[in-house]
Structure formats: structure tokens, C-alpha cells
């Protein structure tokens, strides 16, 4: 997978995720498959339990099907998944 700023428009349900940083220390280290996504949260299946992680306060590592691992700030992922597809991405370079 080619890593570009458009990566925030990808579908994250079904991908492997890890919470790398969070303002909530109990969320750091949660890893597993993303099973649901809402406007402000990801639900991750962690050791057979569903864990809800707030997007705004976390940084995630996503592992895609081709083995690519990408770090994304949760603030960039705010919003409903269907609205994120329509969002225009501002390039920083």
C-alpha cells in the first residue's frame, strides 16, 4: 500500500490496530482488530473483549493487509467513516 495523506480516507474496520499513545493511560497498548467505528471512537477486539478507544486523545498504529504499518493521529480520523471519504485532504507540502 502506498502511504499518502489520503490514507485517512481508508476503511479501518477489519484492520489490525494498536494504541501507541493516549492521554488515558489504560488505553495505551490495546491492540487487536477494529470491529466498529463511530464518529468519535474505535471499538477494538482486545483479547476477546471489546475496548472502546476515543480517537481524539489517541495515536494509532494500523497494520494493513499488505504488512504496511502506519502511525496516524486520531484527531485526523474524527468524523463518521462515510463522511471521511468525502473529506478533502489538505497537503502540507
C-alpha atoms as a PDB file:
ATOM      1  CA  UNK A   1       0.000   0.000   0.000  1.00  0.00           C
ATOM      2  CA  UNK A   2       1.293   3.431  -0.895  1.00  0.00           C
ATOM      3  CA  UNK A   3       1.351   5.717   2.144  1.00  0.00           C
ATOM      4  CA  UNK A   4      -0.045   9.134   1.237  1.00  0.00           C
ATOM      5  CA  UNK A   5      -2.101  11.757   3.078  1.00  0.00           C
ATOM      6  CA  UNK A   6      -5.167  10.120   1.509  1.00  0.00           C
ATOM      7  CA  UNK A   7      -4.677   7.193   3.911  1.00  0.00           C
ATOM      8  CA  UNK A   8      -7.137   8.787   6.336  1.00  0.00           C
ATOM      9  CA  UNK A   9      -9.857   8.095   3.784  1.00  0.00           C
ATOM     10  CA  UNK A  10      -9.297   4.310   4.061  1.00  0.00           C
ATOM     11  CA  UNK A  11     -11.662   1.873   5.707  1.00  0.00           C
ATOM     12  CA  UNK A  12     -10.278   0.882   9.109  1.00  0.00           C
ATOM     13  CA  UNK A  13     -12.811  -1.777  10.120  1.00  0.00           C
ATOM     14  CA  UNK A  14     -11.061  -5.124   9.861  1.00  0.00           C
ATOM     15  CA  UNK A  15      -7.513  -3.787  10.153  1.00  0.00           C
ATOM     16  CA  UNK A  16      -5.122  -4.535  12.995  1.00  0.00           C
ATOM     17  CA  UNK A  17      -4.696  -1.551  15.305  1.00  0.00           C
ATOM     18  CA  UNK A  18      -2.580  -0.658  18.313  1.00  0.00           C
ATOM     19  CA  UNK A  19      -2.954   2.357  20.580  1.00  0.00           C
ATOM     20  CA  UNK A  20       0.556   3.825  20.653  1.00  0.00           C
ATOM     21  CA  UNK A  21      -0.169   6.940  22.738  1.00  0.00           C
ATOM     22  CA  UNK A  22      -3.162   8.215  24.628  1.00  0.00           C
ATOM     23  CA  UNK A  23      -3.988  10.715  27.329  1.00  0.00           C
ATOM     24  CA  UNK A  24      -5.800   7.815  29.042  1.00  0.00           C
ATOM     25  CA  UNK A  25      -3.002   5.508  30.315  1.00  0.00           C
ATOM     26  CA  UNK A  26      -5.326   2.483  30.456  1.00  0.00           C
ATOM     27  CA  UNK A  27      -5.792   2.638  26.668  1.00  0.00           C
ATOM     28  CA  UNK A  28      -2.092   2.561  25.769  1.00  0.00           C
ATOM     29  CA  UNK A  29      -1.113  -0.880  24.466  1.00  0.00           C
ATOM     30  CA  UNK A  30      -4.587  -2.002  23.404  1.00  0.00           C
ATOM     31  CA  UNK A  31      -4.151  -3.982  20.217  1.00  0.00           C
ATOM     32  CA  UNK A  32      -6.395  -6.082  18.046  1.00  0.00           C
ATOM     33  CA  UNK A  33      -8.799  -5.921  15.146  1.00  0.00           C
ATOM     34  CA  UNK A  34     -11.015  -2.865  14.656  1.00  0.00           C
ATOM     35  CA  UNK A  35     -14.565  -4.196  14.742  1.00  0.00           C
ATOM     36  CA  UNK A  36     -16.563  -0.962  14.788  1.00  0.00           C
ATOM     37  CA  UNK A  37     -16.071   2.744  14.216  1.00  0.00           C
ATOM     38  CA  UNK A  38     -18.224   5.681  15.225  1.00  0.00           C
ATOM     39  CA  UNK A  39     -17.752   9.416  14.874  1.00  0.00           C
ATOM     40  CA  UNK A  40     -15.510   9.662  17.951  1.00  0.00           C
ATOM     41  CA  UNK A  41     -14.431   6.095  18.834  1.00  0.00           C
ATOM     42  CA  UNK A  42     -12.920   2.867  17.583  1.00  0.00           C
ATOM     43  CA  UNK A  43     -14.035  -0.451  19.063  1.00  0.00           C
ATOM     44  CA  UNK A  44     -11.093  -2.849  19.142  1.00  0.00           C
ATOM     45  CA  UNK A  45     -11.322  -6.572  19.917  1.00  0.00           C
ATOM     46  CA  UNK A  46      -8.530  -6.981  22.504  1.00  0.00           C
ATOM     47  CA  UNK A  47      -8.014 -10.464  23.998  1.00  0.00           C
ATOM     48  CA  UNK A  48     -11.650 -11.390  23.350  1.00  0.00           C
ATOM     49  CA  UNK A  49     -13.005  -8.193  24.922  1.00  0.00           C
ATOM     50  CA  UNK A  50     -14.421  -5.137  23.189  1.00  0.00           C
ATOM     51  CA  UNK A  51     -12.494  -1.979  24.098  1.00  0.00           C
ATOM     52  CA  UNK A  52     -13.670   1.480  23.068  1.00  0.00           C
ATOM     53  CA  UNK A  53     -10.897   3.969  22.393  1.00  0.00           C
ATOM     54  CA  UNK A  54     -11.534   7.668  21.889  1.00  0.00           C
ATOM     55  CA  UNK A  55      -9.996   8.886  18.626  1.00  0.00           C
ATOM     56  CA  UNK A  56      -9.351  12.485  19.674  1.00  0.00           C
ATOM     57  CA  UNK A  57      -6.962  11.652  22.514  1.00  0.00           C
ATOM     58  CA  UNK A  58      -5.034   8.760  20.920  1.00  0.00           C
ATOM     59  CA  UNK A  59      -2.380   7.942  18.346  1.00  0.00           C
ATOM     60  CA  UNK A  60      -2.845   4.657  16.479  1.00  0.00           C
ATOM     61  CA  UNK A  61      -0.607   2.213  14.604  1.00  0.00           C
ATOM     62  CA  UNK A  62      -2.575   0.475  11.839  1.00  0.00           C
ATOM     63  CA  UNK A  63      -1.290  -2.637  10.088  1.00  0.00           C
ATOM     64  CA  UNK A  64      -2.855  -3.110   6.664  1.00  0.00           C
ATOM     65  CA  UNK A  65      -3.269  -6.377   4.767  1.00  0.00           C
ATOM     66  CA  UNK A  66      -0.016  -5.942   2.804  1.00  0.00           C
ATOM     67  CA  UNK A  67       2.019  -5.560   6.032  1.00  0.00           C
ATOM     68  CA  UNK A  68       2.364  -1.781   5.946  1.00  0.00           C
ATOM     69  CA  UNK A  69       2.281  -0.188   9.409  1.00  0.00           C
ATOM     70  CA  UNK A  70       1.174   3.449   9.583  1.00  0.00           C
ATOM     71  CA  UNK A  71       1.004   5.809  12.576  1.00  0.00           C
ATOM     72  CA  UNK A  72      -1.994   8.135  12.471  1.00  0.00           C
ATOM     73  CA  UNK A  73      -3.107  10.752  14.973  1.00  0.00           C
ATOM     74  CA  UNK A  74      -6.702  10.110  15.973  1.00  0.00           C
ATOM     75  CA  UNK A  75      -7.569  13.804  15.518  1.00  0.00           C
ATOM     76  CA  UNK A  76      -7.262  13.264  11.761  1.00  0.00           C
ATOM     77  CA  UNK A  77      -9.778  10.412  11.932  1.00  0.00           C
ATOM     78  CA  UNK A  78     -12.588  12.289  13.680  1.00  0.00           C
ATOM     79  CA  UNK A  79     -15.939  12.125  11.966  1.00  0.00           C
ATOM     80  CA  UNK A  80     -18.163   9.425  10.615  1.00  0.00           C
ATOM     81  CA  UNK A  81     -16.412   6.957   8.311  1.00  0.00           C
ATOM     82  CA  UNK A  82     -18.750   7.737   5.423  1.00  0.00           C
ATOM     83  CA  UNK A  83     -18.099  11.479   5.778  1.00  0.00           C
ATOM     84  CA  UNK A  84     -14.340  10.961   5.930  1.00  0.00           C
ATOM     85  CA  UNK A  85     -14.455   9.514   2.415  1.00  0.00           C
ATOM     86  CA  UNK A  86     -15.829  12.809   1.112  1.00  0.00           C
ATOM     87  CA  UNK A  87     -13.387  14.996   3.047  1.00  0.00           C
ATOM     88  CA  UNK A  88     -10.727  16.824   1.086  1.00  0.00           C
ATOM     89  CA  UNK A  89      -7.210  16.320   2.403  1.00  0.00           C
ATOM     90  CA  UNK A  90      -5.019  19.390   2.642  1.00  0.00           C
ATOM     91  CA  UNK A  91      -1.463  18.668   1.635  1.00  0.00           C
ATOM     92  CA  UNK A  92       1.243  20.012   3.896  1.00  0.00           C
ATOM     93  CA  UNK A  93       3.950  20.157   1.217  1.00  0.00           C
END
